[in-house]
Amino acid sequence: MHKGSCLCGAVKIAVEGDLPRPNACHCVACRKHGGHYGASLDVPRAALRVEAEDTVRWYQSSEKVRRGFCGVCGSTLFWDPIHHDWTAIAMGVFDGPTDTSLSMHIFVSEKGDYYEIADELPRNET
């Protein structure tokens, strides 16, 4: 079981099972939503428990995706593709070790000009 919370602790999550390897998304929307590139991992909705779910606020960022954040402290929590059976959880939400590591960089073509990607992980332009 992997547990986590937002900055203020109002929203708590638990994920059953091992965590998959996350990716680092450099798209403009993720950078604007979280303040820098977003690191998240995808988990089946059935494996995710959310406490104080009524505190989560959702922003419909496109026809197919909504983004979840804490309505109290504003912490970035989720990237949720509406018509799929999984949800992406922001890596910063997890408390303690996750026993995983980045798998790749995506949307590298939209990367900010103020940083460099310094590892040798695979990179997708989109």
C-alpha atoms as a PDB file:
ATOM      1  CA  MET A   1       0.000   0.000   0.000  1.00  0.00           C
ATOM      2  CA  HIS A   2       1.344   3.403  -0.969  1.00  0.00           C
ATOM      3  CA  LYS A   3      -0.117   6.419   0.802  1.00  0.00           C
ATOM      4  CA  GLY A   4       0.018  10.124   0.124  1.00  0.00           C
ATOM      5  CA  SER A   5      -1.581  13.490   0.716  1.00  0.00           C
ATOM      6  CA  CYS A   6      -1.769  17.062  -0.465  1.00  0.00           C
ATOM      7  CA  LEU A   7       0.301  19.815   1.165  1.00  0.00           C
ATOM      8  CA  CYS A   8      -2.282  20.606   3.846  1.00  0.00           C
ATOM      9  CA  GLY A   9      -3.337  16.996   4.418  1.00  0.00           C
ATOM     10  CA  ALA A  10      -7.013  17.550   3.581  1.00  0.00           C
ATOM     11  CA  VAL A  11      -6.892  15.008   0.732  1.00  0.00           C
ATOM     12  CA  LYS A  12      -5.339  11.625   1.381  1.00  0.00           C
ATOM     13  CA  ILE A  13      -4.817   8.823  -1.107  1.00  0.00           C
ATOM     14  CA  ALA A  14      -3.887   5.150  -0.970  1.00  0.00           C
ATOM     15  CA  VAL A  15      -2.827   2.953  -3.869  1.00  0.00           C
ATOM     16  CA  GLU A  16      -2.929  -0.811  -3.590  1.00  0.00           C
ATOM     17  CA  GLY A  17      -0.113  -2.799  -5.171  1.00  0.00           C
ATOM     18  CA  ASP A  18       3.209  -1.876  -6.684  1.00  0.00           C
ATOM     19  CA  LEU A  19       3.546   1.495  -8.368  1.00  0.00           C
ATOM     20  CA  PRO A  20       4.409   1.586 -12.072  1.00  0.00           C
ATOM     21  CA  ARG A  21       7.281   3.698 -13.327  1.00  0.00           C
ATOM     22  CA  PRO A  22       6.262   7.359 -13.754  1.00  0.00           C
ATOM     23  CA  ASN A  23       6.960   9.646 -16.681  1.00  0.00           C
ATOM     24  CA  ALA A  24       7.991  13.276 -16.759  1.00  0.00           C
ATOM     25  CA  CYS A  25       5.648  15.392 -18.876  1.00  0.00           C
ATOM     26  CA  HIS A  26       7.072  18.657 -20.196  1.00  0.00           C
ATOM     27  CA  CYS A  27       3.899  19.884 -21.956  1.00  0.00           C
ATOM     28  CA  VAL A  28       2.778  23.468 -21.487  1.00  0.00           C
ATOM     29  CA  ALA A  29      -0.407  22.441 -19.629  1.00  0.00           C
ATOM     30  CA  CYS A  30       1.472  20.336 -17.060  1.00  0.00           C
ATOM     31  CA  ARG A  31       4.033  23.094 -16.551  1.00  0.00           C
ATOM     32  CA  LYS A  32       1.305  25.689 -16.013  1.00  0.00           C
ATOM     33  CA  HIS A  33      -0.717  23.422 -13.712  1.00  0.00           C
ATOM     34  CA  GLY A  34       2.163  22.371 -11.478  1.00  0.00           C
ATOM     35  CA  GLY A  35       4.753  25.111 -11.896  1.00  0.00           C
ATOM     36  CA  HIS A  36       7.335  22.897 -13.638  1.00  0.00           C
ATOM     37  CA  TYR A  37       7.262  19.678 -15.609  1.00  0.00           C
ATOM     38  CA  GLY A  38       4.908  17.092 -14.172  1.00  0.00           C
ATOM     39  CA  ALA A  39       5.993  13.690 -12.906  1.00  0.00           C
ATOM     40  CA  SER A  40       3.130  11.236 -12.531  1.00  0.00           C
ATOM     41  CA  LEU A  41       2.236   7.582 -12.753  1.00  0.00           C
ATOM     42  CA  ASP A  42      -0.878   5.842 -14.020  1.00  0.00           C
ATOM     43  CA  VAL A  43      -2.864   3.562 -11.731  1.00  0.00           C
ATOM     44  CA  PRO A  44      -6.104   1.672 -12.312  1.00  0.00           C
ATOM     45  CA  ARG A  45      -9.008   3.527 -10.738  1.00  0.00           C
ATOM     46  CA  ALA A  46      -9.918   0.373  -8.824  1.00  0.00           C
ATOM     47  CA  ALA A  47      -6.522   0.514  -7.039  1.00  0.00           C
ATOM     48  CA  LEU A  48      -6.924   4.156  -5.924  1.00  0.00           C
ATOM     49  CA  ARG A  49      -8.705   5.256  -2.753  1.00  0.00           C
ATOM     50  CA  VAL A  50      -9.250   8.958  -2.089  1.00  0.00           C
ATOM     51  CA  GLU A  51     -10.221  10.321   1.340  1.00  0.00           C
ATOM     52  CA  ALA A  52     -12.072  13.649   1.409  1.00  0.00           C
ATOM     53  CA  GLU A  53     -12.883  13.264  -2.281  1.00  0.00           C
ATOM     54  CA  ASP A  54     -15.321  16.187  -1.968  1.00  0.00           C
ATOM     55  CA  THR A  55     -12.296  18.432  -1.269  1.00  0.00           C
ATOM     56  CA  VAL A  56     -10.783  17.604  -4.675  1.00  0.00           C
ATOM     57  CA  ARG A  57     -11.574  20.254  -7.268  1.00  0.00           C
ATOM     58  CA  TRP A  58     -11.526  19.451 -10.968  1.00  0.00           C
ATOM     59  CA  TYR A  59     -10.533  21.600 -13.899  1.00  0.00           C
ATOM     60  CA  GLN A  60     -11.622  20.363 -17.328  1.00  0.00           C
ATOM     61  CA  SER A  61      -8.427  21.154 -19.272  1.00  0.00           C
ATOM     62  CA  SER A  62      -9.626  19.566 -22.537  1.00  0.00           C
ATOM     63  CA  GLU A  63     -12.536  17.535 -23.890  1.00  0.00           C
ATOM     64  CA  LYS A  64     -10.833  14.325 -22.792  1.00  0.00           C
ATOM     65  CA  VAL A  65      -8.913  15.280 -19.642  1.00  0.00           C
ATOM     66  CA  ARG A  66      -9.551  16.860 -16.282  1.00  0.00           C
ATOM     67  CA  ARG A  67      -6.978  17.846 -13.675  1.00  0.00           C
ATOM     68  CA  GLY A  68      -7.549  17.412  -9.963  1.00  0.00           C
ATOM     69  CA  PHE A  69      -6.182  19.600  -7.196  1.00  0.00           C
ATOM     70  CA  CYS A  70      -6.856  20.174  -3.502  1.00  0.00           C
ATOM     71  CA  GLY A  71      -9.576  22.774  -2.988  1.00  0.00           C
ATOM     72  CA  VAL A  72      -7.915  23.910   0.253  1.00  0.00           C
ATOM     73  CA  CYS A  73      -4.173  24.220  -0.502  1.00  0.00           C
ATOM     74  CA  GLY A  74      -4.175  23.966  -4.313  1.00  0.00           C
ATOM     75  CA  SER A  75      -1.785  20.995  -4.522  1.00  0.00           C
ATOM     76  CA  THR A  76      -1.690  19.262  -7.893  1.00  0.00           C
ATOM     77  CA  LEU A  77      -3.067  15.738  -7.399  1.00  0.00           C
ATOM     78  CA  PHE A  78      -4.393  14.059 -10.548  1.00  0.00           C
ATOM     79  CA  TRP A  79      -4.421  14.018 -14.319  1.00  0.00           C
ATOM     80  CA  ASP A  80      -7.578  12.138 -15.245  1.00  0.00           C
ATOM     81  CA  PRO A  81      -8.474  10.967 -18.756  1.00  0.00           C
ATOM     82  CA  ILE A  82     -12.256  10.871 -18.503  1.00  0.00           C
ATOM     83  CA  HIS A  83     -12.920   7.925 -20.831  1.00  0.00           C
ATOM     84  CA  HIS A  84     -10.266   5.547 -19.460  1.00  0.00           C
ATOM     85  CA  ASP A  85     -10.128   3.269 -16.434  1.00  0.00           C
ATOM     86  CA  TRP A  86      -6.966   4.777 -14.924  1.00  0.00           C
ATOM     87  CA  THR A  87      -5.864   8.030 -13.283  1.00  0.00           C
ATOM     88  CA  ALA A  88      -2.413   9.624 -13.191  1.00  0.00           C
ATOM     89  CA  ILE A  89      -1.231  10.623  -9.723  1.00  0.00           C
ATOM     90  CA  ALA A  90       1.326  13.399  -9.261  1.00  0.00           C
ATOM     91  CA  MET A  91       4.499  11.935  -7.734  1.00  0.00           C
ATOM     92  CA  GLY A  92       4.722  14.726  -5.155  1.00  0.00           C
ATOM     93  CA  VAL A  93       1.533  13.426  -3.519  1.00  0.00           C
ATOM     94  CA  PHE A  94       3.209  10.254  -2.218  1.00  0.00           C
ATOM     95  CA  ASP A  95       4.459  10.176   1.362  1.00  0.00           C
ATOM     96  CA  GLY A  96       7.652   8.212   1.867  1.00  0.00           C
ATOM     97  CA  PRO A  97       9.522   6.033  -0.604  1.00  0.00           C
ATOM     98  CA  THR A  98       7.769   4.993  -3.816  1.00  0.00           C
ATOM     99  CA  ASP A  99      10.293   2.331  -4.857  1.00  0.00           C
ATOM    100  CA  THR A 100      10.071   3.463  -8.468  1.00  0.00           C
ATOM    101  CA  SER A 101      11.911   5.800 -10.826  1.00  0.00           C
ATOM    102  CA  LEU A 102      11.209   7.783 -13.987  1.00  0.00           C
ATOM    103  CA  SER A 103      10.721   5.749 -17.152  1.00  0.00           C
ATOM    104  CA  MET A 104      10.778   8.479 -19.805  1.00  0.00           C
ATOM    105  CA  HIS A 105      10.220  12.119 -20.756  1.00  0.00           C
ATOM    106  CA  ILE A 106       7.185  13.076 -22.846  1.00  0.00           C
ATOM    107  CA  PHE A 107       6.214  16.249 -24.724  1.00  0.00           C
ATOM    108  CA  VAL A 108       9.866  17.246 -24.796  1.00  0.00           C
ATOM    109  CA  SER A 109       9.090  19.544 -27.756  1.00  0.00           C
ATOM    110  CA  GLU A 110       7.175  21.789 -25.290  1.00  0.00           C
ATOM    111  CA  LYS A 111       9.896  21.814 -22.614  1.00  0.00           C
ATOM    112  CA  GLY A 112      10.633  25.123 -20.902  1.00  0.00           C
ATOM    113  CA  ASP A 113      13.799  26.928 -21.950  1.00  0.00           C
ATOM    114  CA  TYR A 114      14.956  27.453 -18.355  1.00  0.00           C
ATOM    115  CA  TYR A 115      16.122  23.882 -17.700  1.00  0.00           C
ATOM    116  CA  GLU A 116      17.889  20.970 -19.373  1.00  0.00           C
ATOM    117  CA  ILE A 117      17.023  17.285 -19.248  1.00  0.00           C
ATOM    118  CA  ALA A 118      20.207  15.806 -17.821  1.00  0.00           C
ATOM    119  CA  ASP A 119      19.490  12.065 -17.873  1.00  0.00           C
ATOM    120  CA  GLU A 120      19.594   9.453 -20.613  1.00  0.00           C
ATOM    121  CA  LEU A 121      15.986   8.264 -20.330  1.00  0.00           C
ATOM    122  CA  PRO A 122      13.945   7.857 -23.522  1.00  0.00           C
ATOM    123  CA  ARG A 123      12.396  11.066 -24.833  1.00  0.00           C
ATOM    124  CA  ASN A 124       9.205  11.492 -26.840  1.00  0.00           C
ATOM    125  CA  GLU A 125       8.769  14.789 -28.629  1.00  0.00           C
ATOM    126  CA  THR A 126       4.956  14.562 -28.128  1.00  0.00           C
END
